[in-house]
Amino acid sequence: MRISRPMASIKKRPNGMYRARYRDAAGVEYSRHFKYRDKTQTGEMTAQGWLDSVTAAVVTSTYVDPKTAKMTVGEWCAVWLKGYETNRATTVRQARTHVKHIVAAFGARPLASVRPSEVKAWTVQLKASGLADSTVYALHARLSHVFSDAVHDGLLPRSPVSRRTSPPAGKQRPYVATTAQVWALHDAMPEGMKPVILLGAFAGLRVAEIAALRVSDVDFMRGIITPAIQYPAEPLKTEMSKTPIPIPADLALELNRVPAKWGSPTLVIGAFGRPVAPYTIETAFRIARDSIKGLPAGFRIHDLRHYFASLLIASGLDVKVVQNRLRHASAKTTLDTYSHMWPDKDESARAAIGNVMAARADSLRTETLSAQ
């Protein structure tokens, strides 16, 4: 006996079983065998019930190909990383590091089997293992990215990762070095790497930008740094990163000492007068940092940008100017990181409101005197 449905049918087999089958949009046929055709008292899945569930999934756009539904998290991560390799090398390296954590936790699991409760439990385990809140937050964001792309690719009807499974971002106020510590770092660096501290603390450059900064990127006469590339000759992270940075004549003179002495194409050089990689710069920086009293063990070259921001804010510059000098993509990023550095305006606010209230009182007194 055959019961026809759009793209589907049920047929009773000689052995008494019912074979339900359907074709998907690509014309691929799938079938299963059931003991019963329709509803039963026992609640077992039936041929009709299975086809109804498939039809409902198609109608609600939650249908997933049974073959791809078996794909594991590890298999999908391998495919996902291949597609992600169109990004910058540093971005891909970070993604690979994140994916290692994901595969370690969920790699053997089918994509569709991961539950939101398990995602939350995973973030708790990561935190308990000693990872920083910001790292746990970044790993959760990467998992969300991976699963969202799986949904977009038709491998899943929905992602188990959402804001409800997200851990705290773990934002902390950055450590701001003192001026004495900045100059101590400068003096402790190897001769060819002293510009690293100057470029980080007084121009706000990132370490990959510092390593790649060429003499041709600096107008020493006019006092302007125009970042163009980052190590190793890759495009900058954003268009905003190309924003010219004005510097004073004294800083321009200091920055020119290394290329003037060595004739090097870059402002930062190694022991043999040649350009160096960020890793080499960071190694020298850590040695110098460990000799400076009061600097935290985790203080990085990137943290010199916080000192740069503090100088700009202390000089009275507004958020838009600070954003421009730091080359942030948005003022929100600047405020999220440095809002606590702007001077307390409570007393100014009180004074402004007080002036309005006093003016109102004077007006009422004047009106009363005029009426008498």
Protein backbone atom coordinates (compact mmCIF):
# COMPACT_ATOMS: atom_id res chain seq x y z
CA MET A 1 0.00 0.00 0.00
CA ARG A 2 1.39 3.38 -1.02
CA ILE A 3 0.39 6.68 0.56
CA SER A 4 1.59 9.57 -1.55
CA ARG A 5 2.69 12.94 -0.19
CA PRO A 6 4.59 15.76 -1.85
CA MET A 7 8.20 14.54 -2.22
CA ALA A 8 7.40 11.62 0.09
CA SER A 9 5.70 8.25 0.29
CA ILE A 10 5.01 5.31 2.60
CA LYS A 11 4.97 1.73 1.37
CA LYS A 12 4.20 -1.48 3.25
CA ARG A 13 6.88 -4.12 2.79
CA PRO A 14 6.26 -7.88 2.48
CA ASN A 15 7.62 -8.36 5.99
CA GLY A 16 4.92 -6.06 7.41
CA MET A 17 7.24 -3.10 8.01
CA TYR A 18 6.51 0.32 6.54
CA ARG A 19 9.14 2.08 4.49
CA ALA A 20 8.89 5.86 4.57
CA ARG A 21 10.98 7.82 2.08
CA TYR A 22 11.38 11.34 0.78
CA ARG A 23 13.56 13.32 -1.58
CA ASP A 24 15.23 16.55 -0.50
CA ALA A 25 15.56 19.68 -2.64
CA ALA A 26 18.70 18.27 -4.25
CA GLY A 27 16.85 15.10 -5.30
CA VAL A 28 18.65 12.85 -2.82
CA GLU A 29 16.42 10.10 -1.43
CA TYR A 30 16.29 9.13 2.26
CA SER A 31 14.30 6.27 3.76
CA ARG A 32 13.61 4.57 7.09
CA HIS A 33 11.62 1.51 8.12
CA PHE A 34 8.99 1.51 10.89
CA LYS A 35 6.79 -1.06 12.55
CA TYR A 36 3.73 1.17 12.40
CA ARG A 37 2.36 3.49 9.76
CA ASP A 38 0.34 5.88 11.93
CA LYS A 39 -0.01 6.82 15.60
CA THR A 40 0.35 4.09 18.19
CA GLN A 41 -0.56 3.68 21.85
CA THR A 42 3.06 3.04 22.73
CA GLY A 43 4.28 6.39 21.43
CA GLU A 44 6.81 4.83 19.07
CA MET A 45 7.97 6.81 16.04
CA THR A 46 5.88 5.89 12.99
CA ALA A 47 6.41 6.21 9.28
CA GLN A 48 3.88 9.03 9.04
CA GLY A 49 5.25 10.76 12.12
CA TRP A 50 8.76 10.73 10.69
CA LEU A 51 7.64 12.22 7.38
CA ASP A 52 5.58 14.83 9.23
CA SER A 53 8.64 15.87 11.24
CA VAL A 54 10.70 16.16 8.03
CA THR A 55 7.97 18.23 6.38
CA ALA A 56 7.71 20.51 9.42
CA ALA A 57 11.50 21.01 9.38
CA VAL A 58 11.40 21.97 5.71
CA VAL A 59 8.50 24.39 6.24
CA THR A 60 10.17 26.04 9.25
CA SER A 61 13.61 26.15 7.55
CA THR A 62 15.14 23.93 10.23
CA TYR A 63 15.72 20.96 7.95
CA VAL A 64 19.23 19.53 8.03
CA ASP A 65 20.58 16.95 5.61
CA PRO A 66 20.90 13.68 7.62
CA LYS A 67 24.37 13.10 6.20
CA THR A 68 25.75 16.49 7.19
CA ALA A 69 23.98 16.24 10.55
CA LYS A 70 26.53 13.58 11.48
CA MET A 71 29.47 15.97 11.01
CA THR A 72 31.46 16.42 14.21
CA VAL A 73 32.61 19.67 15.72
CA GLY A 74 36.21 18.74 14.94
CA GLU A 75 35.45 18.02 11.28
CA TRP A 76 33.56 21.29 10.90
CA CYS A 77 36.34 23.26 12.61
CA ALA A 78 38.82 21.92 10.03
CA VAL A 79 36.54 23.03 7.20
CA TRP A 80 35.85 26.35 8.90
CA LEU A 81 39.54 27.14 9.36
CA LYS A 82 40.21 26.50 5.67
CA GLY A 83 37.67 29.16 4.76
CA TYR A 84 39.01 31.49 7.44
CA GLU A 85 42.50 31.49 5.95
CA THR A 86 41.55 34.42 3.70
CA ASN A 87 42.12 36.67 6.73
CA ARG A 88 45.41 38.15 7.88
CA ALA A 89 48.02 35.63 9.08
CA THR A 90 47.95 36.96 12.66
CA THR A 91 44.15 36.72 12.75
CA VAL A 92 44.28 33.13 11.49
CA ARG A 93 46.91 32.18 14.07
CA GLN A 94 44.68 33.47 16.85
CA ALA A 95 41.71 31.54 15.43
CA ARG A 96 43.76 28.33 15.34
CA THR A 97 44.66 28.79 19.00
CA HIS A 98 41.00 29.26 19.91
CA VAL A 99 39.90 26.26 17.82
CA LYS A 100 42.34 23.99 19.68
CA HIS A 101 40.39 24.67 22.88
CA ILE A 102 37.09 24.07 21.11
CA VAL A 103 38.19 20.78 19.56
CA ALA A 104 39.63 19.58 22.87
CA ALA A 105 36.20 20.02 24.48
CA PHE A 106 33.75 19.15 21.68
CA GLY A 107 35.78 17.75 18.79
CA ALA A 108 34.31 14.21 18.72
CA ARG A 109 30.73 15.40 19.23
CA PRO A 110 28.24 15.76 16.36
CA LEU A 111 27.49 19.44 15.81
CA ALA A 112 23.80 19.00 16.57
CA SER A 113 24.47 17.27 19.90
CA VAL A 114 26.05 20.26 21.69
CA ARG A 115 23.64 21.89 24.16
CA PRO A 116 23.61 25.43 25.61
CA SER A 117 24.05 24.01 29.12
CA GLU A 118 27.24 22.28 27.97
CA VAL A 119 28.56 25.51 26.51
CA LYS A 120 28.02 27.27 29.84
CA ALA A 121 29.71 24.39 31.70
CA TRP A 122 32.66 24.66 29.29
CA THR A 123 33.20 28.35 30.06
CA VAL A 124 33.14 27.55 33.78
CA GLN A 125 35.79 24.86 33.27
CA LEU A 126 37.96 27.25 31.26
CA LYS A 127 37.78 29.80 34.06
CA ALA A 128 38.61 27.13 36.67
CA SER A 129 41.67 26.10 34.63
CA GLY A 130 43.17 29.52 35.30
CA LEU A 131 42.39 31.34 32.05
CA ALA A 132 41.67 35.06 32.32
CA ASP A 133 38.08 36.26 32.01
CA SER A 134 38.95 38.07 28.78
CA THR A 135 40.39 34.85 27.30
CA VAL A 136 37.32 32.81 28.27
CA TYR A 137 35.13 35.50 26.73
CA ALA A 138 37.17 35.40 23.50
CA LEU A 139 36.92 31.59 23.31
CA HIS A 140 33.15 31.76 23.76
CA ALA A 141 32.96 34.37 21.00
CA ARG A 142 34.98 32.08 18.71
CA LEU A 143 32.68 29.14 19.46
CA SER A 144 29.72 31.36 18.61
CA HIS A 145 31.38 32.31 15.32
CA VAL A 146 32.04 28.66 14.43
CA PHE A 147 28.49 27.52 15.21
CA SER A 148 26.86 30.53 13.52
CA ASP A 149 28.71 29.71 10.33
CA ALA A 150 27.56 26.08 10.65
CA VAL A 151 23.97 27.31 10.79
CA HIS A 152 24.58 29.56 7.80
CA ASP A 153 26.02 26.58 5.92
CA GLY A 154 22.89 24.51 6.60
CA LEU A 155 24.56 22.07 8.98
CA LEU A 156 22.46 23.08 11.98
CA PRO A 157 18.98 24.53 12.47
CA ARG A 158 20.18 26.77 15.30
CA SER A 159 23.29 27.51 17.36
CA PRO A 160 23.64 26.41 21.01
CA VAL A 161 25.78 29.51 21.64
CA SER A 162 24.11 32.80 22.52
CA ARG A 163 24.26 35.76 24.87
CA ARG A 164 22.64 33.55 27.50
CA THR A 165 25.66 31.22 27.47
CA SER A 166 28.19 34.06 27.40
CA PRO A 167 30.62 34.53 30.31
CA PRO A 168 31.54 37.99 31.66
CA ALA A 169 33.80 40.01 29.39
CA GLY A 170 36.21 40.51 32.26
CA LYS A 171 37.28 44.02 31.33
CA GLN A 172 39.83 45.53 33.65
CA ARG A 173 41.34 48.97 33.91
CA PRO A 174 44.68 48.88 32.14
CA TYR A 175 47.88 49.49 34.07
CA VAL A 176 49.37 52.86 33.13
CA ALA A 177 53.12 53.11 33.54
CA THR A 178 54.59 56.19 35.14
CA THR A 179 56.77 58.55 33.12
CA ALA A 180 59.78 57.39 35.13
CA GLN A 181 59.01 53.77 34.25
CA VAL A 182 58.67 54.64 30.55
CA TRP A 183 62.07 56.30 30.44
CA ALA A 184 63.58 53.46 32.49
CA LEU A 185 62.28 51.01 29.87
CA HIS A 186 63.76 53.19 27.13
CA ASP A 187 67.16 53.19 28.78
CA ALA A 188 67.06 49.42 29.42
CA MET A 189 66.33 48.45 25.80
CA PRO A 190 69.15 47.55 23.36
CA GLU A 191 70.43 50.54 21.40
CA GLY A 192 68.70 49.61 18.14
CA MET A 193 65.39 49.00 19.91
CA LYS A 194 65.07 52.15 21.98
CA PRO A 195 62.61 53.59 19.40
CA VAL A 196 60.20 50.79 20.41
CA ILE A 197 59.44 52.61 23.66
CA LEU A 198 59.23 56.01 21.98
CA LEU A 199 56.85 54.77 19.29
CA GLY A 200 54.64 52.95 21.79
CA ALA A 201 54.49 55.58 24.54
CA PHE A 202 54.54 58.78 22.48
CA ALA A 203 52.89 57.71 19.19
CA GLY A 204 50.67 54.82 20.31
CA LEU A 205 51.90 52.34 17.70
CA ARG A 206 51.27 48.61 18.09
CA VAL A 207 54.19 46.17 18.13
CA ALA A 208 53.56 44.82 14.58
CA GLU A 209 53.43 48.42 13.33
CA ILE A 210 56.61 49.32 15.21
CA ALA A 211 58.53 46.37 13.73
CA ALA A 212 57.50 47.34 10.19
CA LEU A 213 57.76 51.15 10.46
CA ARG A 214 60.08 52.41 7.74
CA VAL A 215 62.08 55.59 7.53
CA SER A 216 59.95 56.48 4.50
CA ASP A 217 56.83 56.35 6.73
CA VAL A 218 58.09 59.26 8.86
CA ASP A 219 58.28 62.89 7.78
CA PHE A 220 61.02 64.02 10.17
CA MET A 221 60.88 67.65 9.04
CA ARG A 222 57.11 68.10 9.48
CA GLY A 223 56.85 65.69 12.41
CA ILE A 224 54.32 63.18 11.05
CA ILE A 225 54.26 59.38 11.28
CA THR A 226 52.07 57.67 8.68
CA PRO A 227 51.80 53.94 9.40
CA ALA A 228 51.45 52.02 6.14
CA ILE A 229 52.12 48.34 6.87
CA GLN A 230 52.56 45.92 9.74
CA TYR A 231 55.03 43.07 10.08
CA PRO A 232 55.77 41.26 7.82
CA ALA A 233 54.75 43.79 5.13
CA GLU A 234 51.02 43.06 5.61
CA PRO A 235 48.16 45.57 5.35
CA LEU A 236 47.22 47.39 8.54
CA LYS A 237 44.34 46.07 10.62
CA THR A 238 41.88 48.83 9.60
CA GLU A 239 41.73 51.93 7.43
CA MET A 240 41.71 53.97 10.64
CA SER A 241 45.14 52.52 11.47
CA LYS A 242 46.57 54.53 8.56
CA THR A 243 45.69 57.85 10.26
CA PRO A 244 48.77 60.14 10.35
CA ILE A 245 50.18 60.76 13.83
CA PRO A 246 51.67 64.20 14.58
CA ILE A 247 54.81 64.18 16.73
CA PRO A 248 56.97 66.98 18.16
CA ALA A 249 60.37 67.86 16.68
CA ASP A 250 62.24 66.47 19.71
CA LEU A 251 60.61 63.05 19.23
CA ALA A 252 61.33 63.11 15.48
CA LEU A 253 64.99 63.80 16.26
CA GLU A 254 65.20 60.91 18.72
CA LEU A 255 63.51 58.50 16.30
CA ASN A 256 66.00 59.39 13.58
CA ARG A 257 69.05 58.45 15.62
CA VAL A 258 68.99 54.74 14.73
CA PRO A 259 68.55 55.03 10.93
CA ALA A 260 70.97 57.97 10.88
CA LYS A 261 73.63 55.83 12.54
CA TRP A 262 73.00 52.53 10.75
CA GLY A 263 71.48 53.62 7.45
CA SER A 264 68.69 51.14 8.11
CA PRO A 265 65.37 51.16 6.21
CA THR A 266 63.43 50.72 9.46
CA LEU A 267 63.46 52.65 12.73
CA VAL A 268 63.94 49.53 14.86
CA ILE A 269 66.83 47.15 14.21
CA GLY A 270 68.47 44.09 15.74
CA ALA A 271 72.05 43.39 16.72
CA PHE A 272 73.30 43.37 13.13
CA GLY A 273 71.51 46.49 11.95
CA ARG A 274 68.71 44.60 10.22
CA PRO A 275 64.92 44.81 10.70
CA VAL A 276 63.54 42.48 13.38
CA ALA A 277 60.31 40.57 13.99
CA PRO A 278 57.84 41.44 16.75
CA TYR A 279 58.88 38.28 18.63
CA THR A 280 62.49 39.50 18.84
CA ILE A 281 61.33 42.93 20.00
CA GLU A 282 59.04 41.41 22.65
CA THR A 283 61.85 39.19 23.95
CA ALA A 284 64.11 42.22 24.46
CA PHE A 285 61.20 44.13 25.99
CA ARG A 286 60.49 41.41 28.57
CA ILE A 287 64.13 41.44 29.68
CA ALA A 288 64.00 45.23 30.06
CA ARG A 289 60.60 45.13 31.80
CA ASP A 290 61.78 42.66 34.43
CA SER A 291 64.48 45.12 35.48
CA ILE A 292 62.04 47.99 36.09
CA LYS A 293 60.69 48.35 39.61
CA GLY A 294 56.90 48.41 39.92
CA LEU A 295 55.96 47.17 36.45
CA PRO A 296 53.51 44.22 36.48
CA ALA A 297 54.83 40.88 35.22
CA GLY A 298 52.34 40.92 32.36
CA PHE A 299 53.11 44.46 31.17
CA ARG A 300 53.32 44.47 27.36
CA ILE A 301 54.53 46.78 24.62
CA HIS A 302 50.84 47.29 23.77
CA ASP A 303 50.34 48.72 27.27
CA LEU A 304 52.50 51.69 26.31
CA ARG A 305 49.44 52.84 24.33
CA HIS A 306 47.68 53.29 27.66
CA TYR A 307 50.41 55.69 28.76
CA PHE A 308 50.02 57.53 25.45
CA ALA A 309 46.26 57.78 26.01
CA SER A 310 46.77 59.07 29.56
CA LEU A 311 49.04 61.86 28.27
CA LEU A 312 46.44 62.95 25.72
CA ILE A 313 43.57 62.88 28.22
CA ALA A 314 45.57 64.68 30.92
CA SER A 315 46.29 67.47 28.44
CA GLY A 316 42.53 68.12 28.14
CA LEU A 317 41.88 66.59 24.71
CA ASP A 318 38.32 65.40 24.07
CA VAL A 319 37.32 61.82 23.24
CA LYS A 320 37.19 62.33 19.47
CA VAL A 321 40.76 63.65 19.34
CA VAL A 322 42.00 60.83 21.58
CA GLN A 323 40.18 58.31 19.40
CA ASN A 324 41.87 59.76 16.32
CA ARG A 325 45.35 59.69 17.86
CA LEU A 326 44.90 56.10 19.07
CA ARG A 327 43.41 55.24 15.69
CA HIS A 328 40.45 53.45 17.25
CA ALA A 329 37.65 52.46 14.87
CA SER A 330 35.06 54.18 17.08
CA ALA A 331 34.84 56.56 20.02
CA LYS A 332 33.00 53.80 21.90
CA THR A 333 36.20 51.74 21.97
CA THR A 334 38.08 54.72 23.39
CA LEU A 335 35.46 55.38 26.07
CA ASP A 336 35.12 51.71 26.99
CA THR A 337 38.85 51.57 27.69
CA TYR A 338 39.70 55.01 29.03
CA SER A 339 36.54 56.72 30.32
CA HIS A 340 37.85 56.48 33.91
CA MET A 341 40.87 58.62 32.96
CA TRP A 342 38.92 61.74 32.10
CA PRO A 343 38.87 64.25 34.99
CA ASP A 344 35.96 64.04 37.42
CA LYS A 345 33.34 66.57 36.30
CA ASP A 346 31.04 66.24 39.33
CA GLU A 347 31.92 69.63 40.76
CA SER A 348 31.59 71.29 37.36
CA ALA A 349 28.16 69.71 36.95
CA ARG A 350 27.09 70.88 40.40
CA ALA A 351 28.31 74.39 39.63
CA ALA A 352 26.41 74.48 36.31
CA ILE A 353 23.15 73.38 37.94
CA GLY A 354 23.78 75.73 40.87
CA ASN A 355 24.12 78.66 38.48
CA VAL A 356 20.74 77.87 36.92
CA MET A 357 19.08 77.54 40.33
CA ALA A 358 20.65 80.81 41.54
CA ALA A 359 19.48 82.60 38.39
CA ARG A 360 15.95 81.32 39.03
CA ALA A 361 16.04 82.55 42.63
CA ASP A 362 17.29 85.98 41.53
CA SER A 363 14.48 86.17 38.99
CA LEU A 364 11.84 85.37 41.60
CA ARG A 365 13.25 87.95 44.00
CA THR A 366 13.23 90.57 41.25
CA GLU A 367 9.61 89.80 40.40
CA THR A 368 8.61 90.04 44.07
CA LEU A 369 10.31 93.43 44.50
CA SER A 370 8.70 94.74 41.33
CA ALA A 371 5.25 93.73 42.55
CA GLN A 372 5.63 95.62 45.85
